[in-house]
Amino acid sequence: MKIQFHKYQGTGNDFIMIDNLSGEYSFIDIQHVKQMCDRRFGIGADGLILINSHDTLDFEMDYYNSDGSKSFCGNGARCAVQFFLSLTSEKQEFHFLAIDGKHSAFIMDNEIALEMSPVSTIETIEKDYVLNTGSPHYIQSVTNLNEMDVFTAGRRIRNSSRFLTEGINVNFVHRLAAAHLSIRTYERGVEDETLSCGTGATACALVEGLHLAIGEQTVRVDVLGGQLSVSFTRTEKNTFTDIRLQGPARFVFEGEIHV
C-alpha cells in the first residue's frame, strides 16, 4: 500500500502530514505510525498527523506521537493548519478539532497563531511546577541549560513513580530576562529531547506569567529550533485565558511510502 505524505516542521519539531479528508488512509494504525516516524527505517518524524474531515469544523487533527501514543501537540497543530491551508482555498482563520477539544488558529505575520485552552491549575512541587496545556508538563528552572544532559535528566523525571504510567513532558528553563525564556524539552511519546515543543513553550510561558503583572502579557520563548511567542491574560486568581501560541510552520518535502 502506498501512502502519500508531506513533511512539515515548526521550529524543528517535525511531522508527517497525511491528507485523509476523503478517508482513504483511515486504515493507518499504531504500527504504521511507528514505521513511518522511524528515522532509520521510515520517513522520520516526532509525530504523524492525519487531517480528517469534520461535519461542522474545517477539519479534525488526529495526532500521534512517534511511538503511536496520542496527545495534543501545539507545534503539530500549527503545522496541521499550514498543511490544511495548502489543500484548500486561501483563508486567514481556521477552526478544528483535536484530542483536547476545539481550537482556532490564524495567519499572523506569515506565522500560525494557535489559540490554546485556558489553564486554571498550576501545581507547585518544591521549586518546580506541573500543569497541563493540552499535554502534561513538568517545569524546572536551571542555570546551566546549554550544558545539560536533557535526555538523562528528563527521562529520570518522566519515569519517576508519579509520572511513569501516563508520562509527562519535562521542560528545563533558563530565564534570560523578564518575559524572555530559553527552554529545552524531553518529550514523552518521542522519549527523547526534541528541538521544540509548543505545549511546553506555552507551559513555561504561563509559569513565567506568575512572576509578571496581572493582565495581558507576551513571553518570548527560545527553543533549539528557533523562537516561539506565547501571549495570554493572567487574572488575579492566576487563571490564564486568551492563550495564543505563535510561530513558523514550514513545508519541508513530500513523497510516498510503501507500508
Protein backbone atom coordinates (compact mmCIF):
# COMPACT_ATOMS: atom_id res chain seq x y z
CA MET A 1 0.00 0.00 0.00
CA LYS A 2 1.32 3.44 -0.97
CA ILE A 3 0.72 6.44 1.28
CA GLN A 4 1.15 9.98 0.02
CA PHE A 5 2.65 12.25 2.69
CA HIS A 6 4.00 15.74 3.29
CA LYS A 7 6.66 16.65 5.83
CA TYR A 8 6.32 19.86 7.89
CA GLN A 9 8.28 21.36 10.77
CA GLY A 10 7.57 24.01 13.37
CA THR A 11 10.78 25.35 14.93
CA GLY A 12 12.38 21.97 14.33
CA ASN A 13 9.52 19.85 15.70
CA ASP A 14 8.83 17.72 12.61
CA PHE A 15 5.69 15.92 11.50
CA ILE A 16 4.40 13.61 8.78
CA MET A 17 1.19 15.14 7.43
CA ILE A 18 -1.38 12.96 5.65
CA ASP A 19 -4.43 14.25 3.79
CA ASN A 20 -7.22 11.95 4.95
CA LEU A 21 -10.14 14.24 4.12
CA SER A 22 -11.54 11.52 1.86
CA GLY A 23 -10.97 8.77 4.45
CA GLU A 24 -8.56 6.98 2.12
CA TYR A 25 -5.97 6.46 4.82
CA SER A 26 -8.21 5.64 7.79
CA PHE A 27 -6.59 2.20 7.97
CA ILE A 28 -3.39 3.71 9.39
CA ASP A 29 -2.73 2.23 12.83
CA ILE A 30 -0.08 2.44 15.55
CA GLN A 31 2.31 0.10 13.75
CA HIS A 32 2.14 2.24 10.59
CA VAL A 33 2.80 5.34 12.70
CA LYS A 34 5.87 3.78 14.32
CA GLN A 35 7.17 2.59 10.95
CA MET A 36 6.77 5.95 9.19
CA CYS A 37 8.16 8.00 12.10
CA ASP A 38 11.26 5.83 12.44
CA ARG A 39 14.29 7.93 11.46
CA ARG A 40 16.25 4.96 10.12
CA PHE A 41 13.65 2.68 8.57
CA GLY A 42 10.93 5.19 7.72
CA ILE A 43 10.42 8.85 6.86
CA GLY A 44 11.45 10.09 10.29
CA ALA A 45 9.44 12.49 12.46
CA ASP A 46 8.48 13.43 16.00
CA GLY A 47 4.86 12.66 15.16
CA LEU A 48 2.26 11.89 12.50
CA ILE A 49 -0.93 13.82 11.78
CA LEU A 50 -3.98 12.67 9.84
CA ILE A 51 -6.11 15.54 8.55
CA ASN A 52 -9.63 14.14 8.75
CA SER A 53 -12.89 15.72 7.60
CA HIS A 54 -15.34 17.15 10.14
CA ASP A 55 -19.06 17.89 9.81
CA THR A 56 -19.03 21.42 11.24
CA LEU A 57 -15.38 22.48 11.56
CA ASP A 58 -12.66 22.89 8.94
CA PHE A 59 -11.01 19.60 9.86
CA GLU A 60 -10.06 17.17 12.61
CA MET A 61 -6.42 16.79 13.62
CA ASP A 62 -5.69 13.17 14.54
CA TYR A 63 -2.23 13.35 16.14
CA TYR A 64 0.14 10.52 17.06
CA ASN A 65 3.49 10.72 18.80
CA SER A 66 6.28 8.74 17.13
CA ASP A 67 5.65 5.79 19.49
CA GLY A 68 1.98 5.66 18.45
CA SER A 69 0.59 7.28 21.60
CA LYS A 70 -1.86 10.18 21.30
CA SER A 71 -1.85 13.67 22.81
CA PHE A 72 -2.32 17.29 21.85
CA CYS A 73 0.65 18.93 20.13
CA GLY A 74 0.92 22.71 19.76
CA ASN A 75 3.56 22.75 17.04
CA GLY A 76 1.81 19.86 15.30
CA ALA A 77 -1.44 21.80 15.35
CA ARG A 78 0.22 24.85 13.81
CA CYS A 79 1.74 22.65 11.09
CA ALA A 80 -1.64 20.98 10.53
CA VAL A 81 -3.19 24.39 9.88
CA GLN A 82 -0.41 25.29 7.44
CA PHE A 83 -0.88 21.97 5.65
CA PHE A 84 -4.67 22.34 5.52
CA LEU A 85 -4.20 25.80 4.03
CA SER A 86 -2.21 24.20 1.19
CA LEU A 87 -5.13 21.83 0.48
CA THR A 88 -7.88 24.45 0.40
CA SER A 89 -8.60 27.94 -0.81
CA GLU A 90 -6.89 30.92 0.79
CA LYS A 91 -8.14 31.54 4.34
CA GLN A 92 -6.98 33.54 7.35
CA GLU A 93 -8.91 31.80 10.13
CA PHE A 94 -9.35 28.10 10.89
CA HIS A 95 -11.37 26.04 13.34
CA PHE A 96 -10.57 22.40 14.02
CA LEU A 97 -10.99 19.56 16.50
CA ALA A 98 -8.09 18.00 18.41
CA ILE A 99 -7.89 15.42 21.17
CA ASP A 100 -8.37 18.11 23.84
CA GLY A 101 -11.28 19.86 22.11
CA LYS A 102 -11.89 22.67 19.62
CA HIS A 103 -9.19 25.12 18.61
CA SER A 104 -8.95 28.18 16.41
CA ALA A 105 -5.89 29.41 14.52
CA PHE A 106 -4.99 32.46 12.46
CA ILE A 107 -2.40 33.59 9.94
CA MET A 108 -0.38 36.38 11.55
CA ASP A 109 2.82 37.89 10.13
CA ASN A 110 3.35 34.82 7.93
CA GLU A 111 3.18 32.60 11.02
CA ILE A 112 0.48 30.43 12.57
CA ALA A 113 -1.10 31.72 15.79
CA LEU A 114 -2.91 28.96 17.68
CA GLU A 115 -5.50 29.51 20.39
CA MET A 116 -4.90 27.22 23.36
CA SER A 117 -7.30 26.08 26.10
CA PRO A 118 -7.47 28.13 29.33
CA VAL A 119 -5.33 26.99 32.27
CA SER A 120 -6.53 27.41 35.85
CA THR A 121 -4.35 24.98 37.79
CA ILE A 122 -0.59 25.14 38.27
CA GLU A 123 0.83 22.77 40.88
CA THR A 124 4.00 23.59 42.78
CA ILE A 125 6.46 20.81 43.68
CA GLU A 126 9.14 22.49 45.81
CA LYS A 127 10.66 24.90 43.24
CA ASP A 128 9.21 23.10 40.20
CA TYR A 129 5.78 23.26 38.53
CA VAL A 130 3.31 20.87 36.91
CA LEU A 131 0.50 21.97 34.60
CA ASN A 132 -1.46 20.82 31.57
CA THR A 133 -1.58 22.87 28.36
CA GLY A 134 -3.24 20.15 26.29
CA SER A 135 -0.43 17.80 27.32
CA PRO A 136 1.05 17.49 30.84
CA HIS A 137 4.29 19.35 31.58
CA TYR A 138 6.89 19.45 34.33
CA ILE A 139 8.80 22.75 34.56
CA GLN A 140 12.20 23.07 36.23
CA SER A 141 14.32 26.23 36.34
CA VAL A 142 18.04 25.73 35.66
CA THR A 143 21.13 27.89 35.20
CA ASN A 144 23.24 25.50 33.09
CA LEU A 145 20.78 24.88 30.27
CA ASN A 146 23.33 24.72 27.45
CA GLU A 147 25.46 22.12 29.24
CA MET A 148 22.60 19.92 30.47
CA ASP A 149 22.13 16.27 29.58
CA VAL A 150 18.43 16.81 28.89
CA PHE A 151 17.87 13.21 27.82
CA THR A 152 19.08 11.74 31.11
CA ALA A 153 17.58 14.41 33.39
CA GLY A 154 14.27 14.49 31.55
CA ARG A 155 13.97 10.72 31.33
CA ARG A 156 14.54 10.41 35.08
CA ILE A 157 11.63 12.75 35.90
CA ARG A 158 9.38 11.33 33.19
CA ASN A 159 9.91 7.78 34.53
CA SER A 160 9.63 8.67 38.21
CA SER A 161 6.97 6.79 40.15
CA ARG A 162 4.36 9.56 39.94
CA PHE A 163 4.57 10.00 36.17
CA LEU A 164 5.62 6.55 34.99
CA THR A 165 2.19 5.32 33.86
CA GLU A 166 0.85 8.34 31.94
CA GLY A 167 4.16 10.05 31.32
CA ILE A 168 4.94 13.75 31.37
CA ASN A 169 6.90 16.19 29.20
CA VAL A 170 9.84 17.70 31.06
CA ASN A 171 10.95 21.28 30.37
CA PHE A 172 14.17 22.85 31.62
CA VAL A 173 14.03 26.64 31.64
CA HIS A 174 16.60 29.39 31.83
CA ARG A 175 15.16 32.87 32.36
CA LEU A 176 17.10 35.23 30.12
CA ALA A 177 15.09 38.29 31.20
CA ALA A 178 11.57 39.15 32.23
CA ALA A 179 9.22 37.59 29.64
CA HIS A 180 12.13 36.02 27.73
CA LEU A 181 12.95 32.34 28.25
CA SER A 182 15.24 29.71 26.81
CA ILE A 183 13.97 26.13 27.14
CA ARG A 184 14.86 22.55 26.29
CA THR A 185 12.32 19.73 26.40
CA TYR A 186 12.24 15.97 26.87
CA GLU A 187 9.01 14.76 25.24
CA ARG A 188 7.03 11.73 26.27
CA GLY A 189 5.88 9.70 23.27
CA VAL A 190 9.10 10.61 21.46
CA GLU A 191 11.08 9.61 24.57
CA ASP A 192 13.90 11.95 23.69
CA GLU A 193 14.78 15.62 23.55
CA THR A 194 13.12 17.46 20.66
CA LEU A 195 14.13 20.72 19.01
CA SER A 196 10.87 22.34 20.08
CA CYS A 197 7.64 21.68 21.97
CA GLY A 198 4.69 24.02 21.53
CA THR A 199 2.67 22.95 24.56
CA GLY A 200 5.93 23.01 26.53
CA ALA A 201 6.73 26.56 25.44
CA THR A 202 3.20 27.52 26.44
CA ALA A 203 3.52 25.86 29.84
CA CYS A 204 6.85 27.59 30.53
CA ALA A 205 5.41 30.95 29.46
CA LEU A 206 2.46 30.57 31.85
CA VAL A 207 4.80 29.77 34.75
CA GLU A 208 6.76 32.89 33.80
CA GLY A 209 3.43 34.71 33.87
CA LEU A 210 3.19 34.03 37.60
CA HIS A 211 6.08 36.48 38.00
CA LEU A 212 4.62 39.14 35.68
CA ALA A 213 1.87 41.71 36.19
CA ILE A 214 -1.82 40.85 36.10
CA GLY A 215 -3.35 41.35 32.65
CA GLU A 216 -2.16 40.81 29.09
CA GLN A 217 1.42 39.58 28.58
CA THR A 218 3.59 38.14 25.82
CA VAL A 219 6.53 35.86 26.57
CA ARG A 220 9.28 35.12 24.07
CA VAL A 221 10.49 31.52 24.17
CA ASP A 222 13.76 30.43 22.55
CA VAL A 223 13.92 26.73 21.64
CA LEU A 224 16.68 24.77 19.93
CA GLY A 225 14.83 25.03 16.60
CA GLY A 226 14.00 28.73 16.66
CA GLN A 227 11.68 31.06 18.53
CA LEU A 228 8.03 30.99 19.62
CA SER A 229 5.87 33.58 21.36
CA VAL A 230 3.08 32.97 23.85
CA SER A 231 0.53 35.64 24.70
CA PHE A 232 -2.09 35.35 27.44
CA THR A 233 -4.19 37.17 30.00
CA ARG A 234 -3.46 36.44 33.65
CA THR A 235 -6.29 37.05 36.12
CA GLU A 236 -5.97 37.89 39.80
CA LYS A 237 -6.77 34.24 40.64
CA ASN A 238 -3.88 33.02 38.45
CA THR A 239 -6.18 31.71 35.77
CA PHE A 240 -4.76 32.10 32.26
CA THR A 241 -7.10 32.87 29.38
CA ASP A 242 -6.76 34.08 25.76
CA ILE A 243 -3.65 31.91 25.42
CA ARG A 244 -2.11 32.06 21.96
CA LEU A 245 0.97 30.18 20.70
CA GLN A 246 2.59 31.75 17.64
CA GLY A 247 5.49 30.70 15.45
CA PRO A 248 6.53 29.48 12.00
CA ALA A 249 5.24 26.30 10.34
CA ARG A 250 7.12 25.25 7.20
CA PHE A 251 6.74 22.68 4.42
CA VAL A 252 9.87 20.51 4.06
CA PHE A 253 9.20 17.87 1.38
CA GLU A 254 6.60 15.42 0.06
CA GLY A 255 6.65 11.87 -1.22
CA GLU A 256 5.15 8.44 -0.90
CA ILE A 257 5.98 5.47 1.28
CA HIS A 258 5.11 1.77 0.94
CA VAL A 259 3.66 0.20 4.09
